[in-house]
C-alpha cells in the first residue's frame, strides 16, 4: 500500500504543478488585460483552478471574452484547454 501511494504521489505531483503554473499564467494575463482596458472589473480571488472576477454589469460580455482568451491561451498543449464560465450576482448563484 505504501509503495502504491508513493507511485500515485509521484505521478500526480507534476500534473498538479503544471496545472498550478497554468492558472497563474492565466491569472496574470487576465489581470493585465483588465488593467490595460481600464475596466472597472477586478480579479479578486483564485480558488484552485478558478478565477473569481467582480464585474460591473455593463462589462460582463467583455470580461467573458477576456477570460476565454486568456485562460484558454495560457498554455500550448497537445489537447485544448477548455473552461467553464459562469456568472451570477453572487458566488452562490454561479454554481
C-alpha atoms as a PDB file:
ATOM      1  CA  UNK A   1       0.000   0.000   0.000  1.00  0.00           C
ATOM      2  CA  UNK A   2       2.815   2.377   0.866  1.00  0.00           C
ATOM      3  CA  UNK A   3       4.562   1.744  -2.453  1.00  0.00           C
ATOM      4  CA  UNK A   4       1.333   2.295  -4.439  1.00  0.00           C
ATOM      5  CA  UNK A   5       0.705   5.538  -2.546  1.00  0.00           C
ATOM      6  CA  UNK A   6       4.217   6.692  -3.421  1.00  0.00           C
ATOM      7  CA  UNK A   7       3.613   5.898  -7.097  1.00  0.00           C
ATOM      8  CA  UNK A   8       0.356   7.882  -7.125  1.00  0.00           C
ATOM      9  CA  UNK A   9       2.009  10.867  -5.474  1.00  0.00           C
ATOM     10  CA  UNK A  10       4.959  10.721  -7.871  1.00  0.00           C
ATOM     11  CA  UNK A  11       2.668  10.624 -10.900  1.00  0.00           C
ATOM     12  CA  UNK A  12       0.262  13.281  -9.602  1.00  0.00           C
ATOM     13  CA  UNK A  13       2.801  15.899  -8.464  1.00  0.00           C
ATOM     14  CA  UNK A  14       3.939  17.023 -11.949  1.00  0.00           C
ATOM     15  CA  UNK A  15       0.335  17.223 -13.148  1.00  0.00           C
ATOM     16  CA  UNK A  16      -0.754  19.318 -10.185  1.00  0.00           C
ATOM     17  CA  UNK A  17       2.331  21.519 -10.513  1.00  0.00           C
ATOM     18  CA  UNK A  18       1.698  22.143 -14.205  1.00  0.00           C
ATOM     19  CA  UNK A  19      -1.964  22.961 -13.526  1.00  0.00           C
ATOM     20  CA  UNK A  20      -0.927  25.446 -10.822  1.00  0.00           C
ATOM     21  CA  UNK A  21       1.505  27.114 -13.231  1.00  0.00           C
ATOM     22  CA  UNK A  22      -1.137  27.350 -15.968  1.00  0.00           C
ATOM     23  CA  UNK A  23      -3.714  29.012 -13.699  1.00  0.00           C
ATOM     24  CA  UNK A  24      -1.073  31.515 -12.522  1.00  0.00           C
ATOM     25  CA  UNK A  25      -0.206  32.378 -16.133  1.00  0.00           C
ATOM     26  CA  UNK A  26      -3.913  32.829 -16.897  1.00  0.00           C
ATOM     27  CA  UNK A  27      -4.420  34.934 -13.773  1.00  0.00           C
ATOM     28  CA  UNK A  28      -1.602  37.313 -14.709  1.00  0.00           C
ATOM     29  CA  UNK A  29      -2.905  37.615 -18.281  1.00  0.00           C
ATOM     30  CA  UNK A  30      -6.462  38.372 -17.091  1.00  0.00           C
ATOM     31  CA  UNK A  31      -5.217  40.943 -14.572  1.00  0.00           C
ATOM     32  CA  UNK A  32      -3.064  42.716 -17.173  1.00  0.00           C
ATOM     33  CA  UNK A  33      -5.871  42.764 -19.741  1.00  0.00           C
ATOM     34  CA  UNK A  34      -8.384  44.232 -17.266  1.00  0.00           C
ATOM     35  CA  UNK A  35      -5.850  46.945 -16.350  1.00  0.00           C
ATOM     36  CA  UNK A  36      -4.935  47.621 -19.990  1.00  0.00           C
ATOM     37  CA  UNK A  37      -8.564  48.159 -20.943  1.00  0.00           C
ATOM     38  CA  UNK A  38      -9.121  50.314 -17.817  1.00  0.00           C
ATOM     39  CA  UNK A  39     -12.097  48.231 -16.763  1.00  0.00           C
ATOM     40  CA  UNK A  40     -13.995  48.553 -13.504  1.00  0.00           C
ATOM     41  CA  UNK A  41     -13.963  44.773 -13.139  1.00  0.00           C
ATOM     42  CA  UNK A  42     -11.386  43.265 -10.794  1.00  0.00           C
ATOM     43  CA  UNK A  43      -9.778  39.900 -10.301  1.00  0.00           C
ATOM     44  CA  UNK A  44     -10.472  39.243  -6.632  1.00  0.00           C
ATOM     45  CA  UNK A  45      -9.734  35.586  -5.906  1.00  0.00           C
ATOM     46  CA  UNK A  46      -8.198  32.372  -7.146  1.00  0.00           C
ATOM     47  CA  UNK A  47      -9.616  29.117  -5.781  1.00  0.00           C
ATOM     48  CA  UNK A  48      -7.716  26.062  -7.035  1.00  0.00           C
ATOM     49  CA  UNK A  49      -8.331  26.225 -10.803  1.00  0.00           C
ATOM     50  CA  UNK A  50     -10.936  29.013 -10.686  1.00  0.00           C
ATOM     51  CA  UNK A  51     -10.651  32.759 -11.050  1.00  0.00           C
ATOM     52  CA  UNK A  52     -13.288  34.913  -9.372  1.00  0.00           C
ATOM     53  CA  UNK A  53     -13.904  38.273 -11.043  1.00  0.00           C
ATOM     54  CA  UNK A  54     -16.013  41.048  -9.573  1.00  0.00           C
ATOM     55  CA  UNK A  55     -17.556  42.537 -12.684  1.00  0.00           C
ATOM     56  CA  UNK A  56     -19.599  45.614 -13.416  1.00  0.00           C
ATOM     57  CA  UNK A  57     -22.893  44.688 -15.119  1.00  0.00           C
ATOM     58  CA  UNK A  58     -22.005  46.708 -18.229  1.00  0.00           C
ATOM     59  CA  UNK A  59     -18.696  44.832 -18.636  1.00  0.00           C
ATOM     60  CA  UNK A  60     -19.886  41.220 -18.336  1.00  0.00           C
ATOM     61  CA  UNK A  61     -19.665  40.277 -22.013  1.00  0.00           C
ATOM     62  CA  UNK A  62     -16.240  41.880 -22.492  1.00  0.00           C
ATOM     63  CA  UNK A  63     -14.878  40.224 -19.327  1.00  0.00           C
ATOM     64  CA  UNK A  64     -16.189  36.864 -20.550  1.00  0.00           C
ATOM     65  CA  UNK A  65     -14.251  37.341 -23.796  1.00  0.00           C
ATOM     66  CA  UNK A  66     -11.097  38.267 -21.859  1.00  0.00           C
ATOM     67  CA  UNK A  67     -11.428  35.198 -19.629  1.00  0.00           C
ATOM     68  CA  UNK A  68     -11.958  32.868 -22.573  1.00  0.00           C
ATOM     69  CA  UNK A  69      -8.999  34.275 -24.484  1.00  0.00           C
ATOM     70  CA  UNK A  70      -6.576  34.494 -21.557  1.00  0.00           C
ATOM     71  CA  UNK A  71      -7.441  31.234 -19.844  1.00  0.00           C
ATOM     72  CA  UNK A  72      -7.695  29.067 -22.949  1.00  0.00           C
ATOM     73  CA  UNK A  73      -4.470  30.564 -24.285  1.00  0.00           C
ATOM     74  CA  UNK A  74      -2.483  30.258 -21.050  1.00  0.00           C
ATOM     75  CA  UNK A  75      -0.516  27.250 -22.291  1.00  0.00           C
ATOM     76  CA  UNK A  76       0.042  25.434 -25.536  1.00  0.00           C
ATOM     77  CA  UNK A  77      -0.736  21.769 -25.036  1.00  0.00           C
ATOM     78  CA  UNK A  78      -1.445  18.810 -27.303  1.00  0.00           C
ATOM     79  CA  UNK A  79      -5.056  18.941 -26.074  1.00  0.00           C
ATOM     80  CA  UNK A  80      -7.203  22.094 -25.920  1.00  0.00           C
ATOM     81  CA  UNK A  81      -7.583  23.946 -22.641  1.00  0.00           C
ATOM     82  CA  UNK A  82     -11.284  24.293 -22.010  1.00  0.00           C
ATOM     83  CA  UNK A  83     -13.010  26.388 -19.366  1.00  0.00           C
ATOM     84  CA  UNK A  84     -16.430  26.637 -17.794  1.00  0.00           C
ATOM     85  CA  UNK A  85     -17.637  30.184 -17.360  1.00  0.00           C
ATOM     86  CA  UNK A  86     -20.471  31.068 -15.001  1.00  0.00           C
ATOM     87  CA  UNK A  87     -21.953  34.399 -13.963  1.00  0.00           C
ATOM     88  CA  UNK A  88     -24.210  35.415 -11.117  1.00  0.00           C
ATOM     89  CA  UNK A  89     -24.941  38.202  -8.686  1.00  0.00           C
ATOM     90  CA  UNK A  90     -23.013  36.259  -6.026  1.00  0.00           C
ATOM     91  CA  UNK A  91     -20.635  33.319  -5.869  1.00  0.00           C
ATOM     92  CA  UNK A  92     -23.539  31.210  -4.603  1.00  0.00           C
ATOM     93  CA  UNK A  93     -25.580  31.898  -7.771  1.00  0.00           C
ATOM     94  CA  UNK A  94     -22.817  30.752 -10.128  1.00  0.00           C
ATOM     95  CA  UNK A  95     -22.940  27.049  -9.244  1.00  0.00           C
END
